Each structure stands twice: as C-alpha cells, then as structure tokens.
Amino acid sequence: MELKKKTKLISKKVFIKTFGCQMNEYDSNRIYQSVSKIGYEKTETFEKANCYIINTCHIRDKAKEKVYHEIGRVKKILI
C-alpha cells in the first residue's frame, strides 16, 4: 500500500497599493508580474491578502504623506 502525502494548498494573495505617478503604476504591475511567478494572486482588498505592498515615489510629498497615512490605517486594523 502506497502512502500519499496530502499537502494543503495555501492561497497566496497580494494586495498592491500604489501612490504617485504613472511610473508607479507601471512599477506595481511589474511587481505583480514578479510575485505571480511564485504563486501569488492579486486581490482587490487588503483584508484577503497575505502580502501587502505599498508602492510610492518618495520625491512627491503628497504621495509620501499618503503612504504614512495608509501605514497608520492598516496598522490599526491589523493590530
């Protein structure tokens, strides 16, 4: 009798939040292409994500401030 090892498939979900210019949107798409190669699927809500990526430009002050606000918001929810 052969024993078969059952492996539980863990769903890997990534949520990418992008702030800044069109170049940041392009970079976020490239990030997703990279992580999809290791099994991550995109999700539209961070609550379903195993991985949360914030992509921004540190040159633009408005985008930078939005990132700090987003980190604070997510931190309150996750802790």
Protein backbone atom coordinates (compact mmCIF):
# COMPACT_ATOMS: atom_id res chain seq x y z
CA MET A 1 0.00 0.00 0.00
CA GLU A 2 1.37 3.35 -1.03
CA LEU A 3 1.10 6.29 1.33
CA LYS A 4 0.22 9.54 -0.33
CA LYS A 5 1.28 12.71 1.36
CA LYS A 6 -1.50 15.26 1.31
CA THR A 7 -0.39 18.84 1.08
CA LYS A 8 -2.67 21.66 1.92
CA LEU A 9 -2.57 24.33 -0.74
CA ILE A 10 -2.22 27.71 0.86
CA SER A 11 -3.70 30.55 -1.10
CA LYS A 12 -1.14 33.30 -1.59
CA LYS A 13 -2.76 36.68 -2.16
CA VAL A 14 -1.05 40.01 -2.73
CA PHE A 15 -2.54 43.49 -2.41
CA ILE A 16 -0.58 46.30 -4.03
CA LYS A 17 -1.47 49.91 -3.16
CA THR A 18 0.08 52.47 -5.49
CA PHE A 19 0.59 56.17 -4.85
CA GLY A 20 2.23 58.67 -7.16
CA CYS A 21 2.63 58.92 -10.89
CA GLN A 22 2.04 56.65 -13.87
CA MET A 23 5.54 55.25 -13.48
CA ASN A 24 4.49 53.92 -10.08
CA GLU A 25 1.52 52.18 -11.72
CA TYR A 26 3.92 50.59 -14.20
CA ASP A 27 6.21 49.50 -11.35
CA SER A 28 3.30 48.00 -9.43
CA ASN A 29 2.36 45.94 -12.47
CA ARG A 30 5.96 44.74 -12.73
CA ILE A 31 5.94 43.82 -9.04
CA TYR A 32 2.78 41.81 -9.55
CA GLN A 33 4.27 40.04 -12.56
CA SER A 34 7.23 39.03 -10.40
CA VAL A 35 5.24 37.74 -7.43
CA SER A 36 2.76 35.92 -9.65
CA LYS A 37 5.66 33.72 -10.78
CA ILE A 38 5.96 32.41 -7.22
CA GLY A 39 2.26 31.73 -6.87
CA TYR A 40 0.68 34.97 -5.67
CA GLU A 41 -2.69 36.07 -6.97
CA LYS A 42 -3.87 39.66 -6.89
CA THR A 43 -6.67 40.62 -4.53
CA GLU A 44 -8.61 43.87 -4.52
CA THR A 45 -8.91 44.03 -0.72
CA PHE A 46 -6.03 44.02 1.71
CA GLU A 47 -8.05 42.02 4.24
CA LYS A 48 -7.75 38.97 1.99
CA ALA A 49 -4.02 39.47 1.36
CA ASN A 50 -1.09 37.53 2.80
CA CYS A 51 1.23 40.19 1.42
CA TYR A 52 0.56 43.94 1.38
CA ILE A 53 2.82 46.09 -0.80
CA ILE A 54 2.80 49.87 -0.79
CA ASN A 55 4.49 51.39 -3.81
CA THR A 56 5.16 55.10 -3.99
CA CYS A 57 7.51 57.81 -5.12
CA HIS A 58 9.41 59.45 -2.31
CA ILE A 59 10.05 62.54 -4.43
CA ARG A 60 6.45 63.78 -4.35
CA ASP A 61 5.48 64.95 -0.88
CA LYS A 62 1.77 64.31 -1.41
CA ALA A 63 2.36 60.65 -2.27
CA LYS A 64 4.75 60.29 0.66
CA GLU A 65 2.19 61.66 3.11
CA LYS A 66 -0.49 59.31 1.74
CA VAL A 67 1.80 56.36 2.42
CA TYR A 68 2.33 57.36 6.04
CA HIS A 69 -1.43 57.72 6.45
CA GLU A 70 -2.02 54.31 4.85
CA ILE A 71 0.54 52.62 7.11
CA GLY A 72 -1.16 54.08 10.17
CA ARG A 73 -4.59 52.99 8.96
CA VAL A 74 -3.52 49.42 8.22
CA LYS A 75 -1.56 49.16 11.47
CA LYS A 76 -4.70 49.98 13.47
CA ILE A 77 -6.66 47.29 11.66
CA LEU A 78 -4.03 44.55 11.88
CA ILE A 79 -3.00 45.03 15.50
